[in-house]
Amino acid sequence: MHSAPPASSPDKLNVLVTGATGLLGTAVCTALLDRGHGVRATDLKYVAGFPTKVELGDLRDELFVYRVMEGCDTVVHLGNHPNAFVGVSPQRIFSENCSMNANVFWSSHHLEIPCLIFASSIQVMLRSPGGHRRPPYELPYLPLDGDAPAEPGLNSYAASKEVAERLLGLLVQDRPALSATSVRFPMLPRQFWLNNIEAAESLQPGMINIGDAFIHLQLPDAGELVARLAERRSPGYHQYLPGTGISIRNWTIPELVQRFFPNVPLKCTLESLTDFVDGSALVRDLGFIPKLRAAASLARG
């Protein structure tokens, strides 16, 4: 197991976490608090018993964003519509996510906050014809990494993430000392889903995330990753895909590639492919390797 390189800023941080009471937000707040950092949490939803005070507010209100951000030295921005299937319409998801992201990014820029971490999505680089992913699945290459070009198709949620990634890169061009990171999170499964797939004798293909190359990241690992990014604070723009493929007990990786991704370019030989994710950038920069990995059995035929 690799240990994390020494953080550039080991002292106590004052971190604003948007979207704090969601699944990912809760994991991030818990990890930051466990490491002794101060957390200012904000969300639209109040949660009783949350581990720190939650300031209720709407990220579409730029004046609120300025107020809640003052006094912080790090922003972890998770607060968006969570997928392409919520909200009134695709255009509402896109426009409101873009509004929230612009308010957070420009406020942090004006307040000269030195570290900004953004929850992007694996969906940015997985083309979705018509807004939905169906077989045969298109992937840029295997194993996937955070450097894959953005190509969200008509997925309005993913398109809003692409715009945000581009804006973060522009902010770094204007202020090179800024540490700005887009984390292209894969599926972040709930524990009951993990329990169900691990207990099932044989899953049908539609019951598992084949279109995302089986990639997942469990919530404790996601919280740990964000905490390490906040502490590392490397100047410049960074982009990562964390996670690991679900271990399919009764298939080899070459068999899965030949069955589900026969036309996807490979960055290595098929025989040497050991995971659908290349996590070497996160090992190099942060010493991060996911500790948790789900396993399941998949029906053949």
Protein backbone atom coordinates (compact mmCIF):
# COMPACT_ATOMS: atom_id res chain seq x y z
CA MET A 1 0.00 0.00 0.00
CA HIS A 2 1.32 3.42 -0.94
CA SER A 3 1.25 6.20 1.63
CA ALA A 4 0.26 9.74 0.69
CA PRO A 5 3.06 12.17 -0.10
CA PRO A 6 3.41 14.94 2.49
CA ALA A 7 0.71 17.58 2.11
CA SER A 8 1.82 21.02 0.96
CA SER A 9 -0.43 22.60 3.61
CA PRO A 10 -0.62 20.30 6.66
CA ASP A 11 -2.16 22.92 8.98
CA LYS A 12 -5.85 23.06 9.75
CA LEU A 13 -7.90 24.08 6.72
CA ASN A 14 -11.19 25.99 6.62
CA VAL A 15 -13.17 24.17 3.96
CA LEU A 16 -16.49 25.12 2.39
CA VAL A 17 -18.34 22.01 1.18
CA THR A 18 -21.32 22.61 -1.10
CA GLY A 19 -23.90 19.86 -1.51
CA ALA A 20 -22.75 18.78 1.92
CA THR A 21 -25.72 16.70 3.07
CA GLY A 22 -25.78 14.35 0.07
CA LEU A 23 -24.09 10.96 0.07
CA LEU A 24 -20.79 12.25 -1.31
CA GLY A 25 -20.96 15.45 0.74
CA THR A 26 -21.45 13.52 3.96
CA ALA A 27 -18.46 11.29 3.18
CA VAL A 28 -16.30 14.33 2.37
CA CYS A 29 -17.32 16.26 5.49
CA THR A 30 -16.67 13.21 7.66
CA ALA A 31 -13.20 12.67 6.17
CA LEU A 32 -12.23 16.34 6.58
CA LEU A 33 -13.48 16.50 10.17
CA ASP A 34 -11.72 13.25 11.04
CA ARG A 35 -8.46 14.83 9.85
CA GLY A 36 -8.96 17.87 12.08
CA HIS A 37 -10.06 20.42 9.48
CA GLY A 38 -12.77 23.02 9.87
CA VAL A 39 -15.84 22.44 7.67
CA ARG A 40 -18.48 24.95 6.66
CA ALA A 41 -21.28 22.90 5.12
CA THR A 42 -24.01 24.25 2.88
CA ASP A 43 -26.94 22.63 1.10
CA LEU A 44 -30.61 23.15 0.31
CA LYS A 45 -31.62 20.35 2.66
CA TYR A 46 -31.36 20.25 6.44
CA VAL A 47 -30.29 16.93 7.96
CA ALA A 48 -30.76 16.36 11.68
CA GLY A 49 -27.66 15.10 13.46
CA PHE A 50 -25.25 16.14 10.68
CA PRO A 51 -21.66 16.18 12.01
CA THR A 52 -21.30 19.95 11.54
CA LYS A 53 -23.59 22.95 11.22
CA VAL A 54 -25.30 23.22 7.82
CA GLU A 55 -25.91 26.68 6.36
CA LEU A 56 -29.01 26.42 4.19
CA GLY A 57 -28.86 28.35 0.94
CA ASP A 58 -29.21 28.23 -2.84
CA LEU A 59 -26.04 28.19 -4.97
CA ARG A 60 -28.00 29.84 -7.78
CA ASP A 61 -27.97 32.98 -5.60
CA GLU A 62 -24.55 34.54 -6.21
CA LEU A 63 -24.87 36.86 -3.20
CA PHE A 64 -25.39 33.89 -0.88
CA VAL A 65 -22.35 32.17 -2.40
CA TYR A 66 -20.09 35.15 -1.66
CA ARG A 67 -21.32 35.31 1.94
CA VAL A 68 -20.94 31.62 2.71
CA MET A 69 -17.49 31.46 1.12
CA GLU A 70 -15.89 34.32 3.04
CA GLY A 71 -13.22 33.18 5.50
CA CYS A 72 -12.60 29.83 3.80
CA ASP A 73 -9.29 28.79 2.25
CA THR A 74 -10.61 25.75 0.36
CA VAL A 75 -13.80 25.08 -1.59
CA VAL A 76 -15.08 21.58 -2.31
CA HIS A 77 -17.92 22.09 -4.78
CA LEU A 78 -20.28 19.12 -4.94
CA GLY A 79 -23.62 20.95 -5.14
CA ASN A 80 -25.29 20.21 -8.51
CA HIS A 81 -28.30 18.35 -9.84
CA PRO A 82 -26.93 14.82 -9.38
CA ASN A 83 -27.70 13.20 -12.75
CA ALA A 84 -29.48 13.56 -16.09
CA PHE A 85 -32.78 12.16 -14.80
CA VAL A 86 -33.76 14.76 -12.21
CA GLY A 87 -35.29 18.17 -12.71
CA VAL A 88 -37.98 19.48 -15.01
CA SER A 89 -36.06 19.20 -18.28
CA PRO A 90 -32.58 18.63 -19.72
CA GLN A 91 -32.17 22.34 -20.36
CA ARG A 92 -33.07 23.14 -16.75
CA ILE A 93 -30.47 20.67 -15.46
CA PHE A 94 -27.82 22.17 -17.73
CA SER A 95 -28.62 25.82 -17.06
CA GLU A 96 -28.98 25.47 -13.28
CA ASN A 97 -25.83 23.39 -12.89
CA CYS A 98 -23.93 25.94 -14.99
CA SER A 99 -25.35 28.76 -12.86
CA MET A 100 -24.28 27.08 -9.61
CA ASN A 101 -20.82 26.30 -10.95
CA ALA A 102 -20.28 29.82 -12.29
CA ASN A 103 -21.34 31.38 -8.99
CA VAL A 104 -19.01 29.16 -6.97
CA PHE A 105 -16.04 29.47 -9.33
CA TRP A 106 -16.18 33.22 -9.86
CA SER A 107 -16.81 33.91 -6.17
CA SER A 108 -13.79 31.81 -5.23
CA HIS A 109 -11.77 33.64 -7.89
CA HIS A 110 -12.76 37.09 -6.63
CA LEU A 111 -12.08 36.07 -3.02
CA GLU A 112 -8.70 34.60 -4.08
CA ILE A 113 -9.34 31.24 -2.45
CA PRO A 114 -6.25 29.13 -3.20
CA CYS A 115 -7.77 25.65 -3.55
CA LEU A 116 -10.88 24.56 -5.44
CA ILE A 117 -12.03 20.95 -5.86
CA PHE A 118 -14.96 20.16 -8.18
CA ALA A 119 -17.08 17.02 -8.45
CA SER A 120 -17.19 16.28 -12.16
CA SER A 121 -18.35 12.95 -13.57
CA ILE A 122 -17.17 9.97 -15.60
CA GLN A 123 -20.15 10.74 -17.83
CA VAL A 124 -18.23 13.70 -19.30
CA MET A 125 -16.12 11.30 -21.37
CA LEU A 126 -18.70 8.62 -22.15
CA ARG A 127 -20.67 9.66 -25.20
CA SER A 128 -24.42 9.26 -24.79
CA PRO A 129 -26.21 9.32 -28.17
CA GLY A 130 -29.62 10.84 -27.60
CA GLY A 131 -28.75 11.39 -23.94
CA HIS A 132 -28.76 7.68 -23.01
CA ARG A 133 -26.06 5.00 -23.08
CA ARG A 134 -26.95 1.75 -24.82
CA PRO A 135 -24.89 -1.14 -26.20
CA PRO A 136 -22.62 -1.36 -28.06
CA TYR A 137 -20.93 0.93 -25.54
CA GLU A 138 -18.51 3.58 -26.76
CA LEU A 139 -15.42 4.27 -24.66
CA PRO A 140 -12.45 6.45 -25.64
CA TYR A 141 -10.01 3.67 -24.66
CA LEU A 142 -9.21 1.14 -21.94
CA PRO A 143 -8.08 1.37 -19.24
CA LEU A 144 -9.81 4.70 -18.69
CA ASP A 145 -8.12 7.62 -16.97
CA GLY A 146 -8.82 11.27 -16.20
CA ASP A 147 -7.15 12.51 -19.39
CA ALA A 148 -9.81 11.21 -21.77
CA PRO A 149 -11.35 14.00 -23.89
CA ALA A 150 -14.76 15.32 -22.94
CA GLU A 151 -17.52 14.03 -25.21
CA PRO A 152 -20.83 14.03 -23.32
CA GLY A 153 -23.19 13.97 -26.30
CA LEU A 154 -26.69 15.16 -25.36
CA ASN A 155 -26.36 14.24 -21.70
CA SER A 156 -27.25 17.64 -20.21
CA TYR A 157 -25.80 16.76 -16.81
CA ALA A 158 -22.48 15.69 -18.31
CA ALA A 159 -22.41 18.72 -20.61
CA SER A 160 -22.69 21.02 -17.58
CA LYS A 161 -19.69 19.24 -16.06
CA GLU A 162 -17.66 19.73 -19.25
CA VAL A 163 -18.35 23.47 -19.17
CA ALA A 164 -17.24 23.58 -15.53
CA GLU A 165 -13.99 21.74 -16.27
CA ARG A 166 -13.19 24.23 -19.04
CA LEU A 167 -13.91 27.19 -16.75
CA LEU A 168 -11.62 25.79 -14.04
CA GLY A 169 -8.81 25.53 -16.58
CA LEU A 170 -9.35 29.17 -17.57
CA LEU A 171 -9.24 30.30 -13.93
CA VAL A 172 -5.85 28.62 -13.55
CA GLN A 173 -4.59 30.37 -16.69
CA ASP A 174 -5.51 33.68 -15.08
CA ARG A 175 -4.13 32.75 -11.63
CA PRO A 176 -1.45 30.04 -12.01
CA ALA A 177 -0.97 29.64 -8.24
CA LEU A 178 -4.54 28.34 -7.94
CA SER A 179 -4.91 24.64 -7.13
CA ALA A 180 -7.97 23.52 -9.14
CA THR A 181 -9.01 19.90 -9.49
CA SER A 182 -11.84 18.19 -11.36
CA VAL A 183 -12.59 14.73 -10.01
CA ARG A 184 -14.49 12.71 -12.60
CA PHE A 185 -16.34 10.58 -10.09
CA PRO A 186 -17.71 7.25 -11.33
CA MET A 187 -20.72 5.54 -9.80
CA LEU A 188 -20.76 6.06 -6.02
CA PRO A 189 -22.91 3.12 -4.92
CA ARG A 190 -24.98 2.94 -1.77
CA GLN A 191 -24.19 0.11 0.61
CA PHE A 192 -27.48 -1.73 0.00
CA TRP A 193 -26.71 -1.90 -3.75
CA LEU A 194 -23.26 -3.30 -3.01
CA ASN A 195 -24.77 -5.87 -0.67
CA ASN A 196 -27.33 -6.92 -3.28
CA ILE A 197 -24.90 -7.39 -6.18
CA GLU A 198 -22.40 -9.25 -4.04
CA ALA A 199 -25.08 -11.63 -2.76
CA ALA A 200 -26.74 -12.32 -6.13
CA GLU A 201 -25.90 -15.67 -7.73
CA SER A 202 -25.87 -14.28 -11.28
CA LEU A 203 -26.65 -10.72 -12.34
CA GLN A 204 -28.23 -9.87 -15.68
CA PRO A 205 -26.26 -7.27 -17.69
CA GLY A 206 -28.85 -4.54 -17.09
CA MET A 207 -28.36 -4.83 -13.32
CA ILE A 208 -24.76 -3.59 -13.32
CA ASN A 209 -22.99 -0.56 -14.79
CA ILE A 210 -21.40 -2.18 -17.85
CA GLY A 211 -21.68 1.04 -19.86
CA ASP A 212 -19.33 2.72 -17.38
CA ALA A 213 -16.84 -0.17 -17.74
CA PHE A 214 -17.98 -1.50 -14.33
CA ILE A 215 -16.15 1.40 -12.63
CA HIS A 216 -17.17 2.44 -9.14
CA LEU A 217 -15.78 4.23 -6.10
CA GLN A 218 -17.10 3.56 -2.63
CA LEU A 219 -18.01 6.55 -0.49
CA PRO A 220 -15.36 6.21 2.25
CA ASP A 221 -12.68 6.15 -0.46
CA ALA A 222 -14.25 9.20 -2.15
CA GLY A 223 -14.14 11.17 1.10
CA GLU A 224 -10.52 10.17 1.68
CA LEU A 225 -9.54 11.25 -1.84
CA VAL A 226 -11.08 14.71 -1.51
CA ALA A 227 -9.41 15.25 1.87
CA ARG A 228 -6.03 14.36 0.36
CA LEU A 229 -6.60 16.75 -2.54
CA ALA A 230 -7.46 19.56 -0.15
CA GLU A 231 -4.28 18.96 1.82
CA ARG A 232 -2.00 18.50 -1.19
CA ARG A 233 -3.04 21.81 -2.87
CA SER A 234 -0.76 21.48 -5.89
CA PRO A 235 -0.84 24.62 -8.08
CA GLY A 236 -2.32 24.24 -11.56
CA TYR A 237 -5.27 22.42 -13.08
CA HIS A 238 -5.63 18.71 -12.37
CA GLN A 239 -8.14 16.14 -13.59
CA TYR A 240 -8.57 12.61 -12.27
CA LEU A 241 -10.75 9.53 -12.68
CA PRO A 242 -10.73 7.62 -9.39
CA GLY A 243 -12.14 4.16 -8.88
CA THR A 244 -11.77 0.54 -9.84
CA GLY A 245 -13.76 -1.94 -11.88
CA ILE A 246 -16.20 -4.21 -10.09
CA SER A 247 -14.52 -7.61 -9.85
CA ILE A 248 -16.59 -10.06 -11.92
CA ARG A 249 -15.94 -13.42 -10.31
CA ASN A 250 -16.87 -15.70 -13.20
CA TRP A 251 -15.36 -13.71 -16.10
CA THR A 252 -11.78 -12.74 -16.88
CA ILE A 253 -11.09 -9.16 -17.92
CA PRO A 254 -10.15 -10.23 -21.49
CA GLU A 255 -13.50 -12.06 -21.74
CA LEU A 256 -15.38 -8.95 -20.58
CA VAL A 257 -13.56 -6.76 -23.11
CA GLN A 258 -14.23 -9.16 -25.98
CA ARG A 259 -17.91 -9.46 -25.04
CA PHE A 260 -18.83 -5.87 -24.17
CA PHE A 261 -16.10 -3.58 -25.58
CA PRO A 262 -14.79 -5.35 -28.70
CA ASN A 263 -14.12 -2.14 -30.65
CA VAL A 264 -12.61 -0.04 -27.86
CA PRO A 265 -8.92 0.87 -28.34
CA LEU A 266 -6.55 -0.55 -25.74
CA LYS A 267 -3.61 1.32 -24.18
CA CYS A 268 -1.95 -1.98 -23.35
CA THR A 269 -2.19 -5.57 -24.52
CA LEU A 270 -5.42 -7.36 -23.70
CA GLU A 271 -3.52 -9.96 -21.68
CA SER A 272 -1.86 -7.29 -19.50
CA LEU A 273 -5.10 -5.41 -18.73
CA THR A 274 -5.76 -5.85 -15.00
CA ASP A 275 -8.41 -3.18 -14.36
CA PHE A 276 -10.68 -0.91 -16.36
CA VAL A 277 -9.18 2.15 -14.63
CA ASP A 278 -5.63 3.41 -14.84
CA GLY A 279 -5.13 4.94 -11.40
CA SER A 280 -1.41 5.65 -11.81
CA ALA A 281 -1.84 9.45 -11.79
CA LEU A 282 -3.51 9.34 -8.37
CA VAL A 283 -0.82 7.00 -7.03
CA ARG A 284 1.88 9.31 -8.38
CA ASP A 285 0.37 12.56 -7.11
CA LEU A 286 -1.39 11.51 -3.90
CA GLY A 287 -0.44 7.94 -3.07
CA PHE A 288 -4.14 7.13 -3.41
CA ILE A 289 -5.45 3.65 -4.16
CA PRO A 290 -9.10 2.73 -3.43
CA LYS A 291 -9.25 0.41 -0.44
CA LEU A 292 -12.71 -0.99 -1.20
CA ARG A 293 -13.76 -3.03 -4.26
CA ALA A 294 -17.08 -4.70 -4.97
CA ALA A 295 -17.37 -8.18 -6.47
CA ALA A 296 -20.25 -9.80 -8.35
CA SER A 297 -21.17 -12.68 -10.64
CA LEU A 298 -22.50 -11.88 -14.13
CA ALA A 299 -24.73 -14.11 -16.24
CA ARG A 300 -23.27 -15.48 -19.46
CA GLY A 301 -25.11 -15.82 -22.72
